[in-house]
């Protein structure tokens, strides 16, 4: 006897819920790095790193680095969610293409 969690519809709902939760987390982190960090520029400018005020560095470089890391983290996490749900695209590097 199969439980409710084993039905295809419930697996799709679980996958969609996990995908939406990941998207919400990424959007929240994007907002923090895009807006909140820049709102703290004036207090951060009291610290100097390599001759530049920390607020300037965070606005010019820190947020961009965080965005790039965020994109790669999101991609890896979404790929893992897709693989666990069985909806991932075949990976030619892993020789998963149909013959």
Protein backbone atom coordinates (compact mmCIF):
# COMPACT_ATOMS: atom_id res chain seq x y z
CA UNK A 1 0.00 0.00 0.00
CA UNK A 2 1.44 3.35 -0.98
CA UNK A 3 1.17 6.37 1.26
CA UNK A 4 0.11 9.83 0.20
CA UNK A 5 3.72 10.97 0.00
CA UNK A 6 4.41 8.45 -2.78
CA UNK A 7 1.84 9.77 -5.24
CA UNK A 8 3.17 11.71 -8.23
CA UNK A 9 1.08 14.78 -7.39
CA UNK A 10 2.42 15.01 -3.86
CA UNK A 11 6.02 14.62 -5.08
CA UNK A 12 5.43 17.48 -7.52
CA UNK A 13 4.00 19.63 -4.74
CA UNK A 14 6.98 18.87 -2.49
CA UNK A 15 9.39 19.73 -5.33
CA UNK A 16 7.52 22.97 -6.07
CA UNK A 17 7.44 23.93 -2.36
CA UNK A 18 11.19 23.36 -2.03
CA UNK A 19 11.83 25.35 -5.22
CA UNK A 20 9.70 28.27 -4.02
CA UNK A 21 11.38 28.22 -0.61
CA UNK A 22 14.81 28.33 -2.26
CA UNK A 23 13.70 31.22 -4.50
CA UNK A 24 12.44 33.14 -1.47
CA UNK A 25 15.73 32.60 0.37
CA UNK A 26 17.74 33.76 -2.65
CA UNK A 27 15.56 36.85 -3.10
CA UNK A 28 15.97 37.67 0.58
CA UNK A 29 19.74 37.33 0.37
CA UNK A 30 19.76 39.42 -2.82
CA UNK A 31 17.82 42.17 -1.02
CA UNK A 32 20.26 42.11 1.90
CA UNK A 33 23.33 42.35 -0.34
CA UNK A 34 21.70 44.79 -2.75
CA UNK A 35 20.03 47.19 -0.35
CA UNK A 36 20.79 46.58 3.32
CA UNK A 37 24.57 46.53 2.93
CA UNK A 38 24.42 49.75 0.92
CA UNK A 39 22.30 51.33 3.62
CA UNK A 40 25.14 50.71 6.06
CA UNK A 41 27.78 52.49 3.96
CA UNK A 42 28.15 55.51 6.26
CA UNK A 43 28.77 53.49 9.47
CA UNK A 44 31.07 51.09 7.59
CA UNK A 45 33.17 53.98 6.22
CA UNK A 46 34.74 54.42 9.68
CA UNK A 47 36.80 51.27 9.00
CA UNK A 48 39.55 51.34 6.36
CA UNK A 49 40.80 48.26 4.49
CA UNK A 50 43.72 48.52 2.02
CA UNK A 51 43.35 52.29 1.98
CA UNK A 52 39.65 52.27 1.09
CA UNK A 53 36.70 52.86 3.40
CA UNK A 54 34.91 49.56 4.09
CA UNK A 55 31.57 51.02 2.99
CA UNK A 56 33.00 51.93 -0.41
CA UNK A 57 34.56 48.48 -0.77
CA UNK A 58 31.31 46.72 0.16
CA UNK A 59 29.35 48.82 -2.34
CA UNK A 60 31.89 48.49 -5.15
CA UNK A 61 33.12 44.91 -4.73
CA UNK A 62 31.52 43.10 -1.82
CA UNK A 63 27.99 43.05 -3.19
CA UNK A 64 29.15 41.92 -6.64
CA UNK A 65 31.16 39.07 -5.16
CA UNK A 66 28.18 38.08 -3.02
CA UNK A 67 25.88 38.09 -6.09
CA UNK A 68 28.21 35.81 -8.07
CA UNK A 69 28.52 33.39 -5.14
CA UNK A 70 24.74 33.52 -4.69
CA UNK A 71 24.13 32.58 -8.34
CA UNK A 72 26.43 29.55 -8.17
CA UNK A 73 24.99 28.45 -4.81
CA UNK A 74 21.43 28.77 -6.14
CA UNK A 75 22.28 26.78 -9.27
CA UNK A 76 23.89 23.95 -7.31
CA UNK A 77 21.07 23.84 -4.75
CA UNK A 78 18.34 23.87 -7.41
CA UNK A 79 20.11 21.11 -9.32
CA UNK A 80 20.19 19.01 -6.14
CA UNK A 81 16.47 19.63 -5.54
CA UNK A 82 15.71 18.67 -9.15
CA UNK A 83 17.80 15.48 -8.96
CA UNK A 84 16.14 14.40 -5.71
CA UNK A 85 12.73 14.93 -7.32
CA UNK A 86 13.72 13.14 -10.52
CA UNK A 87 13.12 16.17 -12.77
CA UNK A 88 16.74 17.12 -13.50
CA UNK A 89 17.90 17.46 -17.08
CA UNK A 90 20.41 14.87 -18.29
CA UNK A 91 24.02 15.86 -17.76
CA UNK A 92 26.26 15.08 -20.77
CA UNK A 93 29.36 15.23 -18.56
CA UNK A 94 27.94 12.33 -16.53
CA UNK A 95 26.95 10.43 -19.68
CA UNK A 96 23.26 10.50 -18.80
CA UNK A 97 22.08 11.17 -22.36
CA UNK A 98 19.81 8.55 -23.91
CA UNK A 99 21.54 6.30 -26.43
